[in-house]
PDB file of N, CA and C in Angstrom:
ATOM      1  N   MET A   1       0.849  -1.177   0.000  1.00  0.00           N
ATOM      2  CA  MET A   1       0.000   0.000   0.000  1.00  0.00           C
ATOM      3  C   MET A   1       0.890   1.233   0.000  1.00  0.00           C
ATOM      4  N   GLN A   2       0.568   2.184  -0.834  1.00  0.00           N
ATOM      5  CA  GLN A   2       1.260   3.460  -0.830  1.00  0.00           C
ATOM      6  C   GLN A   2       0.268   4.538  -0.441  1.00  0.00           C
ATOM      7  N   ILE A   3       0.726   5.453   0.400  1.00  0.00           N
ATOM      8  CA  ILE A   3      -0.104   6.577   0.809  1.00  0.00           C
ATOM      9  C   ILE A   3       0.682   7.859   0.572  1.00  0.00           C
ATOM     10  N   ILE A   4      -0.021   8.952   0.506  1.00  0.00           N
ATOM     11  CA  ILE A   4       0.613  10.255   0.322  1.00  0.00           C
ATOM     12  C   ILE A   4       0.378  11.071   1.580  1.00  0.00           C
ATOM     13  N   ALA A   5       1.432  11.724   2.052  1.00  0.00           N
ATOM     14  CA  ALA A   5       1.347  12.564   3.238  1.00  0.00           C
ATOM     15  C   ALA A   5       2.137  13.843   2.995  1.00  0.00           C
ATOM     16  N   ILE A   6       1.823  14.860   3.771  1.00  0.00           N
ATOM     17  CA  ILE A   6       2.539  16.131   3.708  1.00  0.00           C
ATOM     18  C   ILE A   6       3.174  16.375   5.067  1.00  0.00           C
ATOM     19  N   LYS A   7       4.463  16.737   5.069  1.00  0.00           N
ATOM     20  CA  LYS A   7       5.170  17.013   6.322  1.00  0.00           C
ATOM     21  C   LYS A   7       4.896  18.450   6.726  1.00  0.00           C
ATOM     22  N   ARG A   8       4.445  18.624   7.940  1.00  0.00           N
ATOM     23  CA  ARG A   8       4.221  19.946   8.519  1.00  0.00           C
ATOM     24  C   ARG A   8       4.914  19.942   9.878  1.00  0.00           C
ATOM     25  N   GLY A   9       6.082  20.582   9.946  1.00  0.00           N
ATOM     26  CA  GLY A   9       6.867  20.534  11.180  1.00  0.00           C
ATOM     27  C   GLY A   9       7.367  19.118  11.397  1.00  0.00           C
ATOM     28  N   GLN A  10       7.063  18.548  12.557  1.00  0.00           N
ATOM     29  CA  GLN A  10       7.459  17.172  12.863  1.00  0.00           C
ATOM     30  C   GLN A  10       6.294  16.198  12.677  1.00  0.00           C
ATOM     31  N   THR A  11       5.261  16.626  11.976  1.00  0.00           N
ATOM     32  CA  THR A  11       4.067  15.803  11.788  1.00  0.00           C
ATOM     33  C   THR A  11       3.891  15.457  10.313  1.00  0.00           C
ATOM     34  N   LEU A  12       3.497  14.218  10.047  1.00  0.00           N
ATOM     35  CA  LEU A  12       3.117  13.815   8.696  1.00  0.00           C
ATOM     36  C   LEU A  12       1.598  13.802   8.621  1.00  0.00           C
ATOM     37  N   GLU A  13       1.038  14.622   7.757  1.00  0.00           N
ATOM     38  CA  GLU A  13      -0.413  14.691   7.585  1.00  0.00           C
ATOM     39  C   GLU A  13      -0.797  13.765   6.441  1.00  0.00           C
ATOM     40  N   ILE A  14      -1.510  12.695   6.771  1.00  0.00           N
ATOM     41  CA  ILE A  14      -1.918  11.708   5.778  1.00  0.00           C
ATOM     42  C   ILE A  14      -3.173  12.214   5.079  1.00  0.00           C
ATOM     43  N   LEU A  15      -3.171  12.168   3.758  1.00  0.00           N
ATOM     44  CA  LEU A  15      -4.229  12.778   2.967  1.00  0.00           C
ATOM     45  C   LEU A  15      -5.377  11.841   2.628  1.00  0.00           C
ATOM     46  N   GLU A  16      -5.412  10.656   3.207  1.00  0.00           N
ATOM     47  CA  GLU A  16      -6.486   9.707   2.910  1.00  0.00           C
ATOM     48  C   GLU A  16      -6.782   8.872   4.152  1.00  0.00           C
ATOM     49  N   ASN A  17      -7.948   8.262   4.176  1.00  0.00           N
ATOM     50  CA  ASN A  17      -8.301   7.376   5.282  1.00  0.00           C
ATOM     51  C   ASN A  17      -7.603   6.041   5.097  1.00  0.00           C
ATOM     52  N   LEU A  18      -7.052   5.512   6.186  1.00  0.00           N
ATOM     53  CA  LEU A  18      -6.346   4.236   6.121  1.00  0.00           C
ATOM     54  C   LEU A  18      -7.195   3.147   6.750  1.00  0.00           C
ATOM     55  N   ASP A  19      -7.315   2.039   6.064  1.00  0.00           N
ATOM     56  CA  ASP A  19      -8.076   0.904   6.579  1.00  0.00           C
ATOM     57  C   ASP A  19      -7.102  -0.114   7.170  1.00  0.00           C
ATOM     58  N   ILE A  20      -6.454   0.290   8.269  1.00  0.00           N
ATOM     59  CA  ILE A  20      -5.552  -0.623   8.977  1.00  0.00           C
ATOM     60  C   ILE A  20      -5.939  -0.597  10.449  1.00  0.00           C
ATOM     61  N   PRO A  21      -5.794  -1.715  11.137  1.00  0.00           N
ATOM     62  CA  PRO A  21      -6.221  -1.780  12.536  1.00  0.00           C
ATOM     63  C   PRO A  21      -5.311  -0.969  13.458  1.00  0.00           C
ATOM     64  N   ASP A  22      -5.888  -0.478  14.557  1.00  0.00           N
ATOM     65  CA  ASP A  22      -5.093   0.212  15.572  1.00  0.00           C
ATOM     66  C   ASP A  22      -4.028  -0.735  16.104  1.00  0.00           C
ATOM     67  N   GLY A  23      -2.861  -0.203  16.380  1.00  0.00           N
ATOM     68  CA  GLY A  23      -1.775  -1.017  16.901  1.00  0.00           C
ATOM     69  C   GLY A  23      -0.938  -1.679  15.821  1.00  0.00           C
ATOM     70  N   GLN A  24      -1.362  -1.574  14.583  1.00  0.00           N
ATOM     71  CA  GLN A  24      -0.628  -2.178  13.466  1.00  0.00           C
ATOM     72  C   GLN A  24       0.693  -1.437  13.275  1.00  0.00           C
ATOM     73  N   VAL A  25       1.782  -2.164  13.164  1.00  0.00           N
ATOM     74  CA  VAL A  25       3.082  -1.569  12.895  1.00  0.00           C
ATOM     75  C   VAL A  25       3.152  -1.232  11.410  1.00  0.00           C
ATOM     76  N   VAL A  26       3.599  -0.018  11.107  1.00  0.00           N
ATOM     77  CA  VAL A  26       3.752   0.398   9.718  1.00  0.00           C
ATOM     78  C   VAL A  26       5.181   0.872   9.493  1.00  0.00           C
ATOM     79  N   ARG A  27       5.647   0.718   8.285  1.00  0.00           N
ATOM     80  CA  ARG A  27       6.975   1.181   7.909  1.00  0.00           C
ATOM     81  C   ARG A  27       6.793   2.338   6.934  1.00  0.00           C
ATOM     82  N   ILE A  28       7.536   3.408   7.151  1.00  0.00           N
ATOM     83  CA  ILE A  28       7.433   4.583   6.292  1.00  0.00           C
ATOM     84  C   ILE A  28       8.745   4.766   5.545  1.00  0.00           C
ATOM     85  N   GLU A  29       8.658   4.864   4.229  1.00  0.00           N
ATOM     86  CA  GLU A  29       9.821   5.136   3.393  1.00  0.00           C
ATOM     87  C   GLU A  29       9.640   6.532   2.813  1.00  0.00           C
ATOM     88  N   ILE A  30      10.597   7.401   3.057  1.00  0.00           N
ATOM     89  CA  ILE A  30      10.508   8.778   2.583  1.00  0.00           C
ATOM     90  C   ILE A  30      11.129   8.860   1.189  1.00  0.00           C
ATOM     91  N   ILE A  31      10.349   9.348   0.240  1.00  0.00           N
ATOM     92  CA  ILE A  31      10.822   9.529  -1.130  1.00  0.00           C
ATOM     93  C   ILE A  31      10.782  11.017  -1.433  1.00  0.00           C
ATOM     94  N   ASP A  32      11.901  11.551  -1.857  1.00  0.00           N
ATOM     95  CA  ASP A  32      11.982  12.973  -2.181  1.00  0.00           C
ATOM     96  C   ASP A  32      11.367  13.194  -3.554  1.00  0.00           C
ATOM     97  N   ALA A  33      10.074  13.434  -3.576  1.00  0.00           N
ATOM     98  CA  ALA A  33       9.353  13.607  -4.844  1.00  0.00           C
ATOM     99  C   ALA A  33       9.464  15.057  -5.302  1.00  0.00           C
ATOM    100  N   GLN A  34       9.804  15.239  -6.549  1.00  0.00           N
ATOM    101  CA  GLN A  34       9.844  16.572  -7.126  1.00  0.00           C
ATOM    102  C   GLN A  34       8.413  16.997  -7.436  1.00  0.00           C
ATOM    103  N   ILE A  35       8.049  18.200  -7.021  1.00  0.00           N
ATOM    104  CA  ILE A  35       6.700  18.682  -7.278  1.00  0.00           C
ATOM    105  C   ILE A  35       6.492  18.882  -8.775  1.00  0.00           C
ATOM    106  N   ASN A  36       7.467  19.452  -9.436  1.00  0.00           N
ATOM    107  CA  ASN A  36       7.341  19.688 -10.868  1.00  0.00           C
ATOM    108  C   ASN A  36       8.452  18.940 -11.582  1.00  0.00           C
ATOM    109  N   GLN A  37       8.213  17.694 -11.909  1.00  0.00           N
ATOM    110  CA  GLN A  37       9.228  16.879 -12.552  1.00  0.00           C
ATOM    111  C   GLN A  37       9.448  17.288 -13.999  1.00  0.00           C
ATOM    112  N   GLU A  38       8.500  17.990 -14.559  1.00  0.00           N
ATOM    113  CA  GLU A  38       8.605  18.413 -15.950  1.00  0.00           C
ATOM    114  C   GLU A  38       9.175  19.825 -16.061  1.00  0.00           C
ATOM    115  N   GLN A  39       9.843  20.308 -15.006  1.00  0.00           N
ATOM    116  CA  GLN A  39      10.376  21.664 -15.006  1.00  0.00           C
ATOM    117  C   GLN A  39      11.304  21.854 -16.204  1.00  0.00           C
ATOM    118  N   GLY A  40      11.164  22.970 -16.865  1.00  0.00           N
ATOM    119  CA  GLY A  40      12.001  23.259 -18.006  1.00  0.00           C
ATOM    120  C   GLY A  40      11.479  22.672 -19.301  1.00  0.00           C
ATOM    121  N   LYS A  41      10.380  21.948 -19.274  1.00  0.00           N
ATOM    122  CA  LYS A  41       9.856  21.310 -20.477  1.00  0.00           C
ATOM    123  C   LYS A  41       8.537  21.936 -20.925  1.00  0.00           C
ATOM    124  N   PHE A  42       8.171  23.066 -20.351  1.00  0.00           N
ATOM    125  CA  PHE A  42       6.901  23.690 -20.702  1.00  0.00           C
ATOM    126  C   PHE A  42       6.838  23.998 -22.192  1.00  0.00           C
ATOM    127  N   GLY A  43       7.896  24.592 -22.719  1.00  0.00           N
ATOM    128  CA  GLY A  43       7.914  24.941 -24.137  1.00  0.00           C
ATOM    129  C   GLY A  43       7.743  23.728 -25.030  1.00  0.00           C
ATOM    130  N   ASP A  44       8.418  22.634 -24.673  1.00  0.00           N
ATOM    131  CA  ASP A  44       8.280  21.399 -25.452  1.00  0.00           C
ATOM    132  C   ASP A  44       6.850  20.877 -25.395  1.00  0.00           C
ATOM    133  N   ASN A  45       6.262  20.912 -24.189  1.00  0.00           N
ATOM    134  CA  ASN A  45       4.886  20.432 -24.030  1.00  0.00           C
ATOM    135  C   ASN A  45       3.894  21.321 -24.774  1.00  0.00           C
ATOM    136  N   LEU A  46       4.120  22.633 -24.743  1.00  0.00           N
ATOM    137  CA  LEU A  46       3.243  23.559 -25.463  1.00  0.00           C
ATOM    138  C   LEU A  46       3.337  23.320 -26.968  1.00  0.00           C
ATOM    139  N   GLU A  47       4.549  23.133 -27.451  1.00  0.00           N
ATOM    140  CA  GLU A  47       4.738  22.861 -28.878  1.00  0.00           C
ATOM    141  C   GLU A  47       4.024  21.575 -29.298  1.00  0.00           C
ATOM    142  N   GLU A  48       4.128  20.541 -28.483  1.00  0.00           N
ATOM    143  CA  GLU A  48       3.453  19.270 -28.772  1.00  0.00           C
ATOM    144  C   GLU A  48       1.935  19.449 -28.769  1.00  0.00           C
ATOM    145  N   PHE A  49       1.419  20.210 -27.794  1.00  0.00           N
ATOM    146  CA  PHE A  49      -0.015  20.486 -27.726  1.00  0.00           C
ATOM    147  C   PHE A  49      -0.479  21.195 -28.996  1.00  0.00           C
ATOM    148  N   ARG A  50       0.295  22.186 -29.431  1.00  0.00           N
ATOM    149  CA  ARG A  50      -0.082  22.934 -30.633  1.00  0.00           C
ATOM    150  C   ARG A  50      -0.038  22.064 -31.883  1.00  0.00           C
ATOM    151  N   ARG A  51       0.873  21.082 -31.913  1.00  0.00           N
ATOM    152  CA  ARG A  51       0.919  20.156 -33.053  1.00  0.00           C
ATOM    153  C   ARG A  51      -0.330  19.268 -33.078  1.00  0.00           C
ATOM    154  N   GLN A  52      -0.785  18.872 -31.900  1.00  0.00           N
ATOM    155  CA  GLN A  52      -1.919  17.952 -31.817  1.00  0.00           C
ATOM    156  C   GLN A  52      -3.269  18.642 -31.990  1.00  0.00           C
ATOM    157  N   HIS A  53      -3.350  19.921 -31.607  1.00  0.00           N
ATOM    158  CA  HIS A  53      -4.632  20.635 -31.620  1.00  0.00           C
ATOM    159  C   HIS A  53      -4.488  21.922 -32.423  1.00  0.00           C
ATOM    160  N   ASN A  54      -5.316  22.081 -33.423  1.00  0.00           N
ATOM    161  CA  ASN A  54      -5.302  23.303 -34.221  1.00  0.00           C
ATOM    162  C   ASN A  54      -6.284  24.286 -33.592  1.00  0.00           C
ATOM    163  N   ILE A  55      -5.764  25.154 -32.750  1.00  0.00           N
ATOM    164  CA  ILE A  55      -6.602  26.093 -32.001  1.00  0.00           C
ATOM    165  C   ILE A  55      -7.320  27.070 -32.942  1.00  0.00           C
ATOM    166  N   ALA A  56      -6.689  27.436 -34.055  1.00  0.00           N
ATOM    167  CA  ALA A  56      -7.305  28.381 -34.995  1.00  0.00           C
ATOM    168  C   ALA A  56      -8.629  27.852 -35.533  1.00  0.00           C
ATOM    169  N   GLU A  57      -8.758  26.536 -35.678  1.00  0.00           N
ATOM    170  CA  GLU A  57     -10.000  25.946 -36.188  1.00  0.00           C
ATOM    171  C   GLU A  57     -11.165  26.086 -35.212  1.00  0.00           C
ATOM    172  N   LEU A  58     -10.889  26.317 -33.946  1.00  0.00           N
ATOM    173  CA  LEU A  58     -11.951  26.382 -32.943  1.00  0.00           C
ATOM    174  C   LEU A  58     -12.710  27.700 -32.974  1.00  0.00           C
ATOM    175  N   ASP A  59     -12.171  28.711 -33.648  1.00  0.00           N
ATOM    176  CA  ASP A  59     -12.820  30.015 -33.773  1.00  0.00           C
ATOM    177  C   ASP A  59     -13.194  30.579 -32.400  1.00  0.00           C
ATOM    178  N   ILE A  60     -12.206  30.674 -31.525  1.00  0.00           N
ATOM    179  CA  ILE A  60     -12.404  31.196 -30.172  1.00  0.00           C
ATOM    180  C   ILE A  60     -12.131  32.694 -30.178  1.00  0.00           C
ATOM    181  N   ASP A  61     -13.062  33.480 -29.646  1.00  0.00           N
ATOM    182  CA  ASP A  61     -12.872  34.928 -29.530  1.00  0.00           C
ATOM    183  C   ASP A  61     -12.184  35.204 -28.190  1.00  0.00           C
ATOM    184  N   VAL A  62     -10.874  35.296 -28.231  1.00  0.00           N
ATOM    185  CA  VAL A  62     -10.076  35.467 -27.015  1.00  0.00           C
ATOM    186  C   VAL A  62     -10.428  36.769 -26.311  1.00  0.00           C
ATOM    187  N   ASP A  63     -10.660  37.848 -27.069  1.00  0.00           N
ATOM    188  CA  ASP A  63     -11.002  39.131 -26.459  1.00  0.00           C
ATOM    189  C   ASP A  63     -12.333  39.065 -25.720  1.00  0.00           C
ATOM    190  N   ALA A  64     -13.289  38.323 -26.243  1.00  0.00           N
ATOM    191  CA  ALA A  64     -14.582  38.186 -25.572  1.00  0.00           C
ATOM    192  C   ALA A  64     -14.443  37.408 -24.266  1.00  0.00           C
ATOM    193  N   ILE A  65     -13.534  36.457 -24.241  1.00  0.00           N
ATOM    194  CA  ILE A  65     -13.360  35.629 -23.049  1.00  0.00           C
ATOM    195  C   ILE A  65     -12.507  36.332 -22.000  1.00  0.00           C
ATOM    196  N   PHE A  66     -11.379  36.906 -22.435  1.00  0.00           N
ATOM    197  CA  PHE A  66     -10.410  37.445 -21.488  1.00  0.00           C
ATOM    198  C   PHE A  66     -10.311  38.970 -21.500  1.00  0.00           C
ATOM    199  N   GLY A  67     -11.180  39.642 -22.236  1.00  0.00           N
ATOM    200  CA  GLY A  67     -11.087  41.087 -22.382  1.00  0.00           C
ATOM    201  C   GLY A  67     -11.152  41.871 -21.090  1.00  0.00           C
ATOM    202  N   ASP A  68     -11.926  41.418 -20.127  1.00  0.00           N
ATOM    203  CA  ASP A  68     -12.073  42.175 -18.884  1.00  0.00           C
ATOM    204  C   ASP A  68     -11.301  41.549 -17.718  1.00  0.00           C
ATOM    205  N   VAL A  69     -10.371  40.677 -18.013  1.00  0.00           N
ATOM    206  CA  VAL A  69      -9.627  39.993 -16.953  1.00  0.00           C
ATOM    207  C   VAL A  69      -8.570  40.899 -16.334  1.00  0.00           C
ATOM    208  N   ARG A  70      -7.837  41.620 -17.155  1.00  0.00           N
ATOM    209  CA  ARG A  70      -6.749  42.449 -16.653  1.00  0.00           C
ATOM    210  C   ARG A  70      -7.283  43.744 -16.061  1.00  0.00           C
ATOM    211  N   ASP A  71      -6.753  44.104 -14.904  1.00  0.00           N
ATOM    212  CA  ASP A  71      -7.111  45.355 -14.244  1.00  0.00           C
ATOM    213  C   ASP A  71      -6.476  46.506 -15.016  1.00  0.00           C
ATOM    214  N   LYS A  72      -7.270  47.463 -15.431  1.00  0.00           N
ATOM    215  CA  LYS A  72      -6.771  48.556 -16.255  1.00  0.00           C
ATOM    216  C   LYS A  72      -6.337  49.766 -15.435  1.00  0.00           C
ATOM    217  N   SER A  73      -6.411  49.691 -14.112  1.00  0.00           N
ATOM    218  CA  SER A  73      -5.985  50.817 -13.282  1.00  0.00           C
ATOM    219  C   SER A  73      -4.463  50.962 -13.351  1.00  0.00           C
ATOM    220  N   PRO A  74      -3.953  52.193 -13.140  1.00  0.00           N
ATOM    221  CA  PRO A  74      -2.514  52.410 -13.267  1.00  0.00           C
ATOM    222  C   PRO A  74      -1.690  51.744 -12.159  1.00  0.00           C
ATOM    223  N   GLY A  75      -2.314  51.320 -11.108  1.00  0.00           N
ATOM    224  CA  GLY A  75      -1.559  50.672 -10.023  1.00  0.00           C
ATOM    225  C   GLY A  75      -1.061  51.680  -9.002  1.00  0.00           C
ATOM    226  N   ARG A  76      -0.215  51.213  -8.111  1.00  0.00           N
ATOM    227  CA  ARG A  76       0.256  52.083  -7.033  1.00  0.00           C
ATOM    228  C   ARG A  76       1.409  52.958  -7.508  1.00  0.00           C
ATOM    229  N   GLU A  77       1.626  54.041  -6.794  1.00  0.00           N
ATOM    230  CA  GLU A  77       2.731  54.936  -7.106  1.00  0.00           C
ATOM    231  C   GLU A  77       4.032  54.320  -6.609  1.00  0.00           C
ATOM    232  N   VAL A  78       5.063  54.413  -7.426  1.00  0.00           N
ATOM    233  CA  VAL A  78       6.368  53.861  -7.066  1.00  0.00           C
ATOM    234  C   VAL A  78       7.371  54.994  -7.001  1.00  0.00           C
ATOM    235  N   ASN A  79       8.068  55.111  -5.873  1.00  0.00           N
ATOM    236  CA  ASN A  79       9.129  56.104  -5.718  1.00  0.00           C
ATOM    237  C   ASN A  79      10.469  55.400  -5.800  1.00  0.00           C
ATOM    238  N   LEU A  80      11.263  55.744  -6.800  1.00  0.00           N
ATOM    239  CA  LEU A  80      12.575  55.116  -6.973  1.00  0.00           C
ATOM    240  C   LEU A  80      13.674  55.968  -6.412  1.00  0.00           C
TER     241      LEU A  80
END
């Protein structure tokens, strides 16, 4: 059985319910898992996605979808 836990201080927070009896001895093996194993490959993945899917054929109006997403205010004053 493999379970996933998150370390918080000296505590391991288990993210799922375990169906094991109280008093059962368990062995824990710590594996240093990389959160983003595909780091540095975003461009390659994007290129592959674009090869597989022709976005232009979908006729998506990007301005209609994302036109009001960005805040148009000038922002805070910066003193350099």
